[in-house]
Amino acid sequence: MKINTIWFDGDQIYGRDENGNEYKQSLLWYPKLYAADNEQRNRYTFGFDGIHWRNLDEDISFESFTYEDSEPSLLQRFFLTHRGINIDKIAQAVGIKVNTLRKYINGFQKPSPENENALLAYINTLN
């Protein structure tokens, strides 16, 4: 699959492939692109396997548009929108390893329902 058209709306990037299929994913996965203005976002090039923003040093693979987790979970969304938060302290407070929490945040591992509930409950106490 190769994306040949892209556009932005809110915190989403949309793509259309050569067959007219449309895809979307959250810009929260790409902090530099998320923070960029329209002029910066529109300075991209299509490569063999993705889209590149040289001015932002950001890349999005075509394949990533088809990932099941193109939209962050509630837990991931919290951490992606609060990048300055100390995840070591949160992991310690909830009783999980910080590396495990990093895997949850980055989508490399899905938390058990118990861990997810414990993390979300702790996060709710931060407000």
Protein backbone atom coordinates (compact mmCIF):
# COMPACT_ATOMS: atom_id res chain seq x y z
CA MET A 1 0.00 0.00 0.00
CA LYS A 2 1.26 3.45 -0.89
CA ILE A 3 -0.32 6.69 0.28
CA ASN A 4 -0.35 9.35 -2.45
CA THR A 5 -2.44 12.11 -0.82
CA ILE A 6 -2.41 13.39 2.76
CA TRP A 7 -4.32 16.05 4.72
CA PHE A 8 -4.73 17.10 8.32
CA ASP A 9 -7.77 17.74 10.47
CA GLY A 10 -7.38 18.52 14.17
CA ASP A 11 -5.00 16.01 15.71
CA GLN A 12 -5.39 13.54 12.83
CA ILE A 13 -3.44 12.87 9.66
CA TYR A 14 -5.39 11.31 6.81
CA GLY A 15 -4.06 9.48 3.80
CA ARG A 16 -5.50 8.14 0.58
CA ASP A 17 -3.85 5.34 -1.37
CA GLU A 18 -3.75 4.71 -5.11
CA ASN A 19 -7.00 2.69 -4.87
CA GLY A 20 -8.91 5.51 -3.17
CA ASN A 21 -8.90 3.87 0.28
CA GLU A 22 -8.70 6.37 3.13
CA TYR A 23 -6.79 5.90 6.36
CA LYS A 24 -6.15 8.01 9.42
CA GLN A 25 -4.01 8.05 12.50
CA SER A 26 -3.41 10.28 15.46
CA LEU A 27 -0.73 12.94 15.32
CA LEU A 28 -0.10 12.28 19.01
CA TRP A 29 2.26 9.51 17.88
CA TYR A 30 4.34 12.19 16.10
CA PRO A 31 5.00 15.04 18.55
CA LYS A 32 6.98 17.23 16.14
CA LEU A 33 4.27 17.00 13.50
CA TYR A 34 1.55 17.51 16.11
CA ALA A 35 3.17 20.75 17.28
CA ALA A 36 3.92 21.98 13.74
CA ASP A 37 1.98 24.74 12.02
CA ASN A 38 0.26 24.24 8.65
CA GLU A 39 3.21 25.60 6.70
CA GLN A 40 5.60 23.15 8.36
CA ARG A 41 3.17 20.25 7.93
CA ASN A 42 2.81 20.97 4.22
CA ARG A 43 6.56 20.68 3.55
CA TYR A 44 6.77 16.93 3.06
CA THR A 45 7.98 14.48 0.46
CA PHE A 46 6.78 11.01 -0.41
CA GLY A 47 9.43 8.32 -0.28
CA PHE A 48 9.47 4.68 -1.25
CA ASP A 49 7.87 3.52 2.00
CA GLY A 50 6.62 6.64 3.74
CA ILE A 51 6.29 10.38 4.13
CA HIS A 52 9.16 12.57 5.29
CA TRP A 53 9.23 16.05 6.81
CA ARG A 54 12.86 17.11 6.51
CA ASN A 55 12.26 20.42 8.30
CA LEU A 56 10.81 18.57 11.30
CA ASP A 57 12.98 15.44 11.12
CA GLU A 58 9.80 13.36 11.19
CA ASP A 59 8.77 10.28 9.22
CA ILE A 60 5.54 8.32 8.92
CA SER A 61 5.57 4.95 7.19
CA PHE A 62 2.74 4.07 4.83
CA GLU A 63 2.33 0.85 6.79
CA SER A 64 1.60 2.74 10.02
CA PHE A 65 -1.71 3.93 8.57
CA THR A 66 -2.93 0.32 8.72
CA TYR A 67 -1.91 -0.42 12.32
CA GLU A 68 -4.70 -1.52 14.63
CA ASP A 69 -3.60 1.04 17.21
CA SER A 70 -3.45 4.07 14.92
CA GLU A 71 -5.50 5.79 17.61
CA PRO A 72 -4.02 5.89 21.13
CA SER A 73 -5.94 4.24 23.93
CA LEU A 74 -7.16 6.42 26.80
CA LEU A 75 -4.08 5.46 28.80
CA GLN A 76 -1.70 6.18 25.90
CA ARG A 77 -3.47 9.45 25.13
CA PHE A 78 -2.86 10.66 28.69
CA PHE A 79 0.87 10.03 28.50
CA LEU A 80 1.20 11.34 24.95
CA THR A 81 -0.45 14.62 25.94
CA HIS A 82 1.46 14.93 29.24
CA ARG A 83 4.99 14.22 28.05
CA GLY A 84 6.61 15.95 31.02
CA ILE A 85 5.03 13.67 33.59
CA ASN A 86 7.32 11.39 35.58
CA ILE A 87 6.37 7.89 34.46
CA ASP A 88 8.88 6.32 36.86
CA LYS A 89 6.88 7.64 39.82
CA ILE A 90 3.57 6.54 38.33
CA ALA A 91 4.87 3.03 37.65
CA GLN A 92 6.24 2.83 41.19
CA ALA A 93 2.97 4.09 42.71
CA VAL A 94 0.95 1.50 40.81
CA GLY A 95 3.45 -1.30 41.42
CA ILE A 96 4.58 -2.07 37.89
CA LYS A 97 7.99 -1.87 36.26
CA VAL A 98 8.75 1.38 34.46
CA ASN A 99 9.84 -0.55 31.35
CA THR A 100 6.45 -2.26 31.30
CA LEU A 101 4.70 1.10 31.50
CA ARG A 102 6.86 2.40 28.63
CA LYS A 103 5.76 -0.60 26.56
CA TYR A 104 2.12 0.19 27.33
CA ILE A 105 2.57 3.82 26.33
CA ASN A 106 4.35 3.00 23.07
CA GLY A 107 1.96 0.22 22.11
CA PHE A 108 4.51 -2.60 22.30
CA GLN A 109 2.49 -4.36 24.98
CA LYS A 110 -1.14 -4.15 26.06
CA PRO A 111 -1.81 -3.83 29.78
CA SER A 112 -3.91 -6.39 31.56
CA PRO A 113 -7.33 -5.02 32.54
CA GLU A 114 -6.11 -4.93 36.17
CA ASN A 115 -3.00 -2.88 35.32
CA GLU A 116 -4.92 -0.56 33.03
CA ASN A 117 -7.58 0.07 35.69
CA ALA A 118 -4.92 0.64 38.36
CA LEU A 119 -3.06 3.13 36.14
CA LEU A 120 -6.21 5.00 35.16
CA ALA A 121 -7.38 5.13 38.79
CA TYR A 122 -4.03 6.54 39.87
CA ILE A 123 -4.04 9.07 37.02
CA ASN A 124 -7.50 10.24 38.13
CA THR A 125 -6.04 11.06 41.55
CA LEU A 126 -3.60 13.50 39.90
CA ASN A 127 -6.36 15.92 38.88
